[in-house]
Protein backbone atom coordinates (compact mmCIF):
# COMPACT_ATOMS: atom_id res chain seq x y z
CA MET A 1 41.90 105.16 22.04
CA ARG A 2 39.84 106.16 25.05
CA THR A 3 41.32 109.01 27.10
CA GLN A 4 41.70 108.39 30.84
CA ILE A 5 40.57 111.19 33.11
CA LEU A 6 42.86 111.66 36.15
CA PRO A 7 41.69 113.18 39.40
CA ASP A 8 42.82 116.65 40.49
CA GLU A 9 46.01 116.90 42.64
CA ASP A 10 44.12 118.36 45.66
CA THR A 11 41.62 115.48 45.94
CA ASP A 12 41.64 112.35 48.05
CA SER A 13 41.57 110.26 44.89
CA PHE A 14 44.90 111.72 43.76
CA VAL A 15 46.49 110.97 47.15
CA LEU A 16 45.16 107.42 46.93
CA LEU A 17 46.63 107.03 43.46
CA GLN A 18 49.97 108.35 44.70
CA ARG A 19 50.05 105.72 47.45
CA PHE A 20 49.14 103.05 44.90
CA CYS A 21 52.11 104.02 42.70
CA ARG A 22 54.48 103.94 45.67
CA LYS A 23 53.32 100.43 46.60
CA CYS A 24 53.76 99.24 43.02
CA PHE A 25 57.34 100.51 42.78
CA THR A 26 58.36 99.05 46.13
CA ARG A 27 57.18 95.67 44.82
CA TRP A 28 58.78 96.14 41.40
CA ILE A 29 55.35 96.30 39.67
CA TYR A 30 55.27 98.67 36.69
CA PHE A 31 52.46 99.52 34.28
CA LYS A 32 51.86 101.59 31.16
CA LEU A 33 51.48 105.26 31.90
CA SER A 34 48.72 107.39 30.41
CA GLY A 35 48.26 111.04 30.96
CA LYS A 36 50.87 113.67 31.69
CA VAL A 37 49.95 114.01 35.35
CA LEU A 38 50.19 110.29 35.99
CA ALA A 39 53.45 110.06 34.05
CA LYS A 40 54.91 112.90 36.09
CA LEU A 41 53.72 111.29 39.32
CA CYS A 42 55.05 107.84 38.49
CA PHE A 43 58.42 109.18 37.31
CA ALA A 44 58.89 111.09 40.56
CA GLU A 45 58.01 108.02 42.62
CA LEU A 46 60.32 105.84 40.51
CA SER A 47 63.24 108.28 40.86
CA SER A 48 62.73 108.53 44.60
CA HIS A 49 62.58 104.75 44.93
CA LEU A 50 65.71 104.15 42.85
CA LYS A 51 67.57 106.84 44.79
CA SER A 52 66.71 105.20 48.12
CA ILE A 53 67.90 101.83 46.78
CA LYS A 54 71.19 103.40 45.70
CA ASN A 55 71.67 105.09 49.08
CA ARG A 56 71.01 101.86 50.93
CA PHE A 57 73.47 100.01 48.73
CA ASN A 58 76.19 102.64 49.15
CA GLY A 59 75.54 102.79 52.92
CA LYS A 60 75.88 99.03 53.24
CA LYS A 61 79.04 99.15 51.18
CA LYS A 62 80.43 101.92 53.39
CA ASP A 63 79.38 100.17 56.61
CA SER A 64 80.84 96.93 55.37
CA LYS A 65 84.14 98.67 54.63
CA LEU A 66 84.27 100.25 58.12
CA LYS A 67 83.34 96.97 59.78
CA GLN A 68 86.09 95.17 57.90
CA ALA A 69 88.61 97.82 58.97
CA MET A 70 87.58 97.62 62.64
CA LYS A 71 87.52 93.82 62.51
CA GLY A 72 91.02 93.76 61.04
CA LEU A 73 92.24 96.28 63.61
CA ASP A 74 90.74 94.28 66.47
CA SER A 75 92.36 91.07 65.19
CA PHE A 76 95.76 92.74 64.82
CA LEU A 77 95.75 94.41 68.25
CA THR A 78 94.50 91.39 70.20
CA THR A 79 97.03 89.12 68.47
CA HIS A 80 100.08 91.24 69.19
CA TYR A 81 99.21 93.29 72.29
CA SER A 82 97.37 93.27 75.61
CA PHE A 83 95.54 96.44 76.66
CA ARG A 84 94.03 97.71 79.90
CA TYR A 85 92.47 100.96 81.10
CA ASN A 86 94.12 102.20 84.31
CA GLN A 87 91.30 103.55 86.49
CA ILE A 88 93.70 105.53 88.69
CA THR A 89 95.62 107.38 85.98
CA GLU A 90 92.69 107.22 83.51
CA GLN A 91 95.09 106.19 80.75
CA CYS A 92 95.23 103.25 78.35
CA GLU A 93 98.21 100.93 78.90
CA PHE A 94 99.58 98.09 76.76
CA HIS A 95 102.39 95.59 76.41
CA ASP A 96 103.73 93.54 73.52
CA LYS A 97 102.79 89.87 73.89
CA HIS A 98 105.85 88.73 71.97
CA LYS A 99 108.37 90.72 74.02
CA PHE A 100 106.91 90.01 77.49
CA ASP A 101 107.63 93.58 78.54
CA LYS A 102 105.85 95.59 81.23
CA TYR A 103 102.71 97.58 80.63
CA ARG A 104 103.36 101.14 79.50
CA VAL A 105 101.14 104.12 78.76
CA VAL A 106 99.84 104.63 75.23
CA ASP A 107 101.22 108.15 74.80
CA GLU A 108 101.32 110.02 71.49
CA ARG A 109 104.55 108.34 70.42
CA GLU A 110 103.33 104.83 71.22
CA PHE A 111 99.96 105.59 69.61
CA ASN A 112 101.59 106.54 66.31
CA THR A 113 103.75 103.41 66.46
CA LEU A 114 100.65 101.23 66.88
CA VAL A 115 99.00 102.86 63.85
CA ILE A 116 102.12 102.36 61.71
CA ASN A 117 102.47 98.73 62.79
CA ALA A 118 98.82 98.06 61.93
CA ILE A 119 99.16 99.61 58.46
CA GLU A 120 102.36 97.64 57.78
CA GLU A 121 100.44 94.46 58.64
CA GLY A 122 97.89 95.29 55.97
CA VAL A 123 95.17 96.71 58.21
CA ASN A 124 93.33 99.49 56.40
CA CYS A 125 92.89 101.86 59.35
CA MET A 126 93.38 105.51 60.18
CA ASP A 127 94.25 107.40 63.36
CA ARG A 128 90.60 107.94 64.23
CA ASP A 129 89.91 104.20 64.00
CA MET A 130 92.73 103.43 66.44
CA ARG A 131 91.63 106.24 68.78
CA ARG A 132 88.03 104.99 68.66
CA TYR A 133 89.12 101.46 69.56
CA LEU A 134 91.46 102.43 72.41
CA GLY A 135 88.89 104.81 73.86
CA SER A 136 86.09 102.23 73.93
CA SER A 137 84.87 99.83 76.62
CA ARG A 138 86.48 96.97 74.70
CA ILE A 139 89.60 97.85 76.65
CA PRO A 140 89.11 96.15 80.06
CA SER A 141 89.33 98.35 83.18
CA PHE A 142 92.12 97.75 85.68
CA HIS A 143 92.70 99.17 89.18
CA PRO A 144 96.35 98.51 90.17
CA VAL A 145 95.85 98.73 93.94
CA THR A 146 92.70 96.63 94.29
CA ALA A 147 94.07 94.14 91.74
CA TYR A 148 97.18 93.73 93.91
CA LEU A 149 95.06 93.02 96.99
CA GLU A 150 92.82 90.57 95.12
CA HIS A 151 95.74 88.42 93.93
CA LEU A 152 97.46 88.00 97.31
CA PRO A 153 98.05 84.48 98.67
CA HIS A 154 96.68 83.10 101.92
CA TRP A 155 98.30 84.50 105.07
CA ASP A 156 100.67 82.07 106.78
CA GLY A 157 99.83 83.45 110.26
CA HIS A 158 103.16 85.20 110.97
CA ASP A 159 102.85 88.78 112.31
CA ARG A 160 105.00 90.83 109.93
CA VAL A 161 103.34 94.18 110.66
CA SER A 162 104.65 94.30 114.24
CA GLU A 163 108.14 93.34 113.06
CA LEU A 164 108.08 96.21 110.61
CA ALA A 165 106.95 98.65 113.31
CA ARG A 166 109.74 97.57 115.69
CA SER A 167 112.35 98.44 113.07
CA VAL A 168 111.43 102.06 113.87
CA SER A 169 110.75 101.92 117.63
CA ASP A 170 110.11 99.32 120.32
CA GLU A 171 107.49 101.52 122.02
CA THR A 172 104.44 99.34 122.66
CA GLN A 173 101.93 102.05 121.87
CA TRP A 174 103.70 102.80 118.58
CA VAL A 175 103.55 99.16 117.48
CA GLU A 176 99.79 99.09 118.14
CA VAL A 177 99.12 102.46 116.47
CA PHE A 178 101.24 101.58 113.43
CA HIS A 179 99.30 98.34 113.02
CA ILE A 180 96.00 100.25 113.15
CA TRP A 181 97.31 102.77 110.62
CA MET A 182 98.39 100.02 108.19
CA LEU A 183 94.95 98.44 108.47
CA GLY A 184 93.37 101.82 107.77
CA MET A 185 95.58 102.27 104.70
CA VAL A 186 94.56 98.93 103.20
CA MET A 187 90.90 99.64 103.99
CA GLN A 188 91.29 103.00 102.22
CA TRP A 189 92.70 101.20 99.18
CA SER A 190 89.82 98.73 99.06
CA GLY A 191 87.31 101.58 98.74
CA LYS A 192 84.95 99.95 101.24
CA ASN A 193 85.25 102.68 103.87
CA ARG A 194 83.02 105.36 102.36
CA MET A 195 82.12 107.05 105.65
CA HIS A 196 85.57 107.77 107.12
CA GLY A 197 89.04 108.33 105.74
CA ASN A 198 92.27 107.04 107.25
CA CYS A 199 92.73 110.11 109.47
CA LEU A 200 95.89 109.07 111.34
CA ILE A 201 99.37 110.26 110.31
CA PRO A 202 102.48 108.56 111.76
CA ILE A 203 105.51 110.90 111.84
CA LEU A 204 109.04 109.51 112.09
CA VAL A 205 111.17 111.90 114.18
CA ASN A 206 114.91 112.11 114.74
CA PRO A 207 117.19 115.20 114.76
CA LEU A 208 119.87 113.31 112.84
CA GLN A 209 119.77 112.97 109.08
CA GLY A 210 120.58 109.91 107.00
CA LEU A 211 118.66 107.50 109.25
CA LYS A 212 116.50 106.19 106.36
CA LYS A 213 113.25 107.72 107.60
CA SER A 214 112.10 108.55 104.05
CA THR A 215 113.39 105.20 102.80
CA PHE A 216 111.20 103.43 105.34
CA CYS A 217 108.14 105.36 104.16
CA ARG A 218 108.81 104.52 100.52
CA SER A 219 109.49 100.88 101.35
CA LEU A 220 106.02 100.44 102.83
CA LEU A 221 104.64 100.05 99.31
CA PRO A 222 105.37 96.87 97.33
CA PRO A 223 107.41 97.34 94.13
CA ALA A 224 104.28 96.97 92.00
CA LEU A 225 102.75 100.06 93.66
CA ARG A 226 105.84 102.28 94.07
CA GLY A 227 104.63 104.46 91.22
CA TYR A 228 101.75 105.57 93.46
CA TYR A 229 104.01 107.11 96.14
CA THR A 230 105.09 110.73 96.48
CA ASP A 231 106.85 113.02 98.93
CA ASP A 232 105.75 116.14 97.04
CA PHE A 233 102.53 117.46 98.58
CA ASP A 234 101.38 121.05 99.05
CA VAL A 235 98.15 121.59 100.99
CA THR A 236 97.85 125.18 99.71
CA ARG A 237 97.30 123.99 96.12
CA GLU A 238 93.91 122.47 96.78
CA GLY A 239 93.18 121.13 93.30
CA ASP A 240 96.55 119.42 93.03
CA ALA A 241 96.26 118.09 96.59
CA LEU A 242 92.86 116.50 95.90
CA ARG A 243 94.07 114.93 92.65
CA LYS A 244 96.99 113.32 94.48
CA MET A 245 94.71 112.05 97.23
CA ARG A 246 92.61 110.41 94.53
CA SER A 247 95.44 108.87 92.50
CA LEU A 248 98.23 108.01 94.99
CA ALA A 249 98.40 105.16 97.48
CA LEU A 250 100.76 106.82 99.99
CA ILE A 251 101.79 110.45 100.51
CA ASN A 252 104.87 111.24 102.59
CA ILE A 253 105.01 114.76 104.06
CA ASP A 254 108.75 115.16 104.32
CA GLU A 255 110.15 117.65 106.86
CA PHE A 256 106.82 117.86 108.63
CA ASN A 257 108.13 120.47 111.07
CA ARG A 258 108.20 123.07 108.28
CA MET A 259 104.41 123.13 108.05
CA GLU A 260 102.95 126.39 109.29
CA GLU A 261 100.00 126.42 111.64
CA GLY A 262 97.50 127.30 108.91
CA LYS A 263 98.74 124.49 106.66
CA LEU A 264 98.57 122.06 109.56
CA ALA A 265 94.92 122.93 110.14
CA ARG A 266 94.20 122.43 106.44
CA LEU A 267 95.96 119.06 106.51
CA LYS A 268 93.78 117.90 109.42
CA ASN A 269 90.70 118.67 107.33
CA LEU A 270 92.06 116.79 104.32
CA VAL A 271 92.96 113.58 106.18
CA GLN A 272 89.42 113.28 107.53
CA MET A 273 87.90 113.20 104.04
CA SER A 274 86.59 109.88 102.77
CA GLY A 275 85.42 111.27 99.43
CA LEU A 276 86.72 114.13 97.31
CA SER A 277 84.52 116.70 95.59
CA MET A 278 86.38 117.42 92.36
CA ARG A 279 85.77 118.91 88.96
CA ARG A 280 87.18 116.67 86.25
CA PRO A 281 89.03 118.13 83.24
CA PHE A 282 86.72 119.62 80.61
CA GLN A 283 83.70 119.33 82.94
CA SER A 284 81.75 122.19 84.46
CA SER A 285 80.17 120.30 87.37
CA TYR A 286 81.72 118.72 90.45
CA SER A 287 81.52 115.00 91.17
CA GLN A 288 82.35 112.86 94.20
CA GLN A 289 85.54 110.85 93.73
CA PRO A 290 86.87 108.13 96.07
CA ARG A 291 89.96 108.90 98.12
CA LEU A 292 92.83 106.43 97.76
CA SER A 293 95.76 107.87 99.68
CA SER A 294 96.96 107.63 103.27
CA PHE A 295 99.56 109.90 104.86
CA ILE A 296 102.86 109.48 106.68
CA GLY A 297 105.53 112.03 107.61
CA THR A 298 109.14 112.60 108.67
CA SER A 299 110.74 115.34 110.77
CA ASN A 300 114.17 116.35 112.06
CA PHE A 301 112.67 118.33 114.95
CA CYS A 302 110.51 117.30 117.89
CA ASP A 303 108.46 120.50 118.21
CA LEU A 304 106.18 120.00 115.23
CA LEU A 305 102.57 120.13 116.53
CA THR A 306 100.80 123.43 117.15
CA ASP A 307 97.33 122.67 118.52
CA SER A 308 97.16 120.95 121.90
CA SER A 309 93.43 120.27 121.50
CA GLY A 310 93.53 118.74 118.01
CA ASN A 311 96.70 116.67 117.76
CA ARG A 312 95.10 113.22 118.01
CA ARG A 313 95.36 112.90 114.21
CA PHE A 314 99.15 112.71 114.45
CA TYR A 315 101.48 110.18 116.03
CA PRO A 316 105.11 111.38 116.18
CA VAL A 317 107.57 108.65 117.16
CA MET A 318 111.28 108.94 117.94
CA THR A 319 113.22 106.44 115.86
CA LYS A 320 115.72 104.34 117.78
CA GLY A 321 118.50 105.23 115.33
CA SER A 322 119.17 104.24 111.77
CA ILE A 323 116.20 102.21 110.56
CA ARG A 324 117.24 98.71 109.59
CA LEU A 325 114.49 97.42 107.39
CA PRO A 326 113.84 93.69 107.59
CA ARG A 327 113.55 91.73 104.38
CA ILE A 328 109.91 92.44 103.63
CA ASN A 329 107.71 89.71 102.21
CA TYR A 330 105.18 92.12 100.74
CA LYS A 331 102.67 89.50 99.65
CA GLN A 332 102.48 88.00 103.13
CA LEU A 333 102.56 91.45 104.79
CA TYR A 334 99.51 92.65 102.89
CA ALA A 335 97.84 89.24 103.01
CA GLN A 336 97.97 89.58 106.81
CA LEU A 337 96.31 93.01 106.69
CA ARG A 338 93.70 91.83 104.20
CA ASP A 339 92.77 88.78 106.27
CA GLU A 340 92.64 90.78 109.51
CA LEU A 341 90.20 93.21 107.89
CA LYS A 342 88.09 90.30 106.67
CA HIS A 343 87.85 89.17 110.30
CA ASN A 344 86.66 92.68 111.30
CA ARG A 345 89.81 93.80 113.07
CA ARG A 346 89.51 97.45 114.10
CA TYR A 347 91.30 99.91 111.81
CA TRP A 348 90.58 103.12 113.75
CA LEU A 349 91.57 104.49 117.16
CA SER A 350 89.04 104.12 119.96
CA PRO A 351 88.13 107.26 122.00
CA THR A 352 90.32 106.00 124.85
CA GLU A 353 93.26 105.50 122.48
CA GLU A 354 92.73 108.94 120.94
CA GLN A 355 92.86 110.53 124.39
CA ALA A 356 96.07 108.66 125.22
CA VAL A 357 97.63 109.75 121.92
CA SER A 358 96.62 113.36 122.54
CA LEU A 359 98.21 113.39 126.02
CA ARG A 360 101.36 111.73 124.71
CA ASN A 361 101.69 114.28 121.91
CA ASP A 362 102.13 117.18 124.35
CA ALA A 363 105.84 116.37 124.29
CA PHE A 364 105.89 117.20 120.56
CA LEU A 365 104.06 120.53 120.75
CA ARG A 366 105.72 123.46 119.06
CA ARG A 367 106.42 126.12 121.68
CA PRO A 368 105.25 129.63 120.76
CA ILE A 369 108.02 131.95 119.58
CA GLU A 370 106.75 134.62 122.00
CA GLU A 371 106.87 132.33 125.06
CA SER A 372 110.13 133.73 126.50
CA LEU A 373 108.89 137.28 125.90
CA PHE A 374 105.64 136.46 127.70
CA TYR A 375 107.42 135.26 130.84
CA SER A 376 109.57 138.39 130.83
CA CYS A 377 106.41 140.52 131.01
CA PHE A 378 104.00 138.38 133.07
CA SER A 379 103.93 135.63 135.66
CA LEU A 380 101.32 132.97 136.35
CA PRO A 381 99.72 133.31 139.82
CA ARG A 382 100.21 130.43 142.22
CA ASP A 383 97.39 128.88 144.23
CA GLY A 384 96.03 131.44 146.71
CA GLU A 385 98.10 134.27 145.20
CA LYS A 386 96.42 137.49 144.12
CA PHE A 387 96.06 138.07 140.39
CA GLN A 388 95.04 140.68 137.86
CA ARG A 389 92.52 140.28 135.05
CA TRP A 390 93.76 141.01 131.55
CA THR A 391 92.07 140.89 128.16
CA ILE A 392 93.90 139.27 125.30
CA GLY A 393 94.26 142.64 123.59
CA GLN A 394 95.92 144.18 126.64
CA ILE A 395 98.39 141.30 126.93
CA TYR A 396 99.21 141.54 123.24
CA GLU A 397 99.86 145.29 123.42
CA VAL A 398 102.17 144.97 126.44
CA MET A 399 104.26 142.32 124.66
CA LYS A 400 104.23 144.23 121.38
CA ARG A 401 105.63 147.34 123.08
CA ALA A 402 108.30 145.21 124.74
CA SER A 403 109.43 143.53 121.49
CA PRO A 404 107.77 144.58 118.21
CA GLU A 405 109.97 142.21 116.17
CA THR A 406 108.92 139.14 118.16
CA MET A 407 105.21 139.94 117.96
CA ARG A 408 105.28 140.93 114.30
CA ASP A 409 104.56 137.40 113.05
CA VAL A 410 102.15 136.49 115.88
CA LYS A 411 98.56 136.82 114.71
CA MET A 412 95.84 137.68 117.20
CA ARG A 413 93.73 134.70 116.08
CA VAL A 414 96.42 132.22 117.21
CA PHE A 415 97.66 134.20 120.20
CA GLY A 416 94.83 132.85 122.36
CA LYS A 417 95.87 129.26 121.53
CA HIS A 418 99.42 130.10 122.52
CA LEU A 419 98.26 131.46 125.88
CA ALA A 420 96.37 128.22 126.54
CA LEU A 421 99.46 126.24 125.51
CA MET A 422 101.53 128.20 128.07
CA GLY A 423 99.02 127.30 130.80
CA VAL A 424 97.39 130.70 131.26
CA LYS A 425 94.02 130.36 133.01
CA LYS A 426 91.05 132.45 131.91
CA LEU A 427 87.59 133.40 133.13
CA ARG A 428 84.52 133.81 130.95
CA THR A 429 82.64 137.01 131.84
CA HIS A 430 79.95 139.19 130.30
CA TYR A 431 82.76 141.38 129.00
CA GLY A 432 84.59 138.51 127.30
CA ASP A 433 87.43 136.21 128.30
CA GLN A 434 89.80 137.56 130.95
CA TYR A 435 93.19 136.00 131.70
CA LEU A 436 94.55 135.65 135.23
CA LEU A 437 98.08 137.08 135.30
CA ASN A 438 100.44 139.31 137.24
CA ARG A 439 102.51 142.01 135.58
CA LEU A 440 106.23 141.93 136.23
């Protein structure tokens, strides 16, 4: 028999022969081997080819098994339950179709129950399969607040907002301002106002307790949205404050008069925000989140504002007694606000209205604790009367020597605002501001 001479392994001919063998095996073409080198080459190619076939078969079998499990899980869940992803709470919610119960959060306990129910129904699934399904985009997204607004009926034309405002006070300006604030709240919910936040805060004031001021605030939200109301808000905990502004529809600042001057300044900055720069859990970078919440407040004291030049963000109103809430038709109430916004009704205060609010709020200014001490040390000069020029440091030292305890909690940075609040006139000079006073 004639011996076949094979090419060397480093030549182009050997590479060509190797490719030829691979093509033959992929097409199930086999031939008689001759020569040890060719036998070795063909055996290696055959083993590699058979191994790839086996892997593909096992992979298809494994994929088919996983697909069957997911298909069975999908069929079971969609038959027995309805799911939705709450965009506010960022949690998956569900309800049992056969029990007609309300949606509830899929917490760890409910999750385990779903897995057990699926296994008992013959679905071959594991925890990770259920977690993969519930964490996917197959669960439709749902925004409770915008969904409520979208499913409102047509407005019947009756003004329910003004009726609601008059249950607190019959003051004409209050009725108008409350209407504007309600429009701003609904606009904030819709997410369409990306330039400005609802920066007005109504404050219900009455020295008596038990007049249902907090009840009125809570009752502004329809029952479907009551879970997005709170009266627990701390401006000093910035991260928590921003999260609540993102996830709550209405925030009630109860006992507003207890807010210190620094907290009040921080609150004014917060209410002007339209978007919130936040770092989400398990993320290193900050992202811009939409603001959802509006603010309202209650107080048992009238002296609750501290800055005479920046109080246009607040609207304190004296309640006319115990608030008797009318029977609220929430669907028609919010249908009115929705339709008014569609017809471009203004949901912010005009500059003229802001000025009127600012002047009105002087009656609610918090008097400085050192005011009586000041008038025991100094007097304001009358027109044409001689006066002395004092620096703020000199005035502070005179009052501190007179009563160290009174001046202990008065910071120099706010003392100038207090002097302006007490009507002390000042002159701007090259040496700084000088106040016109007479020493007693």
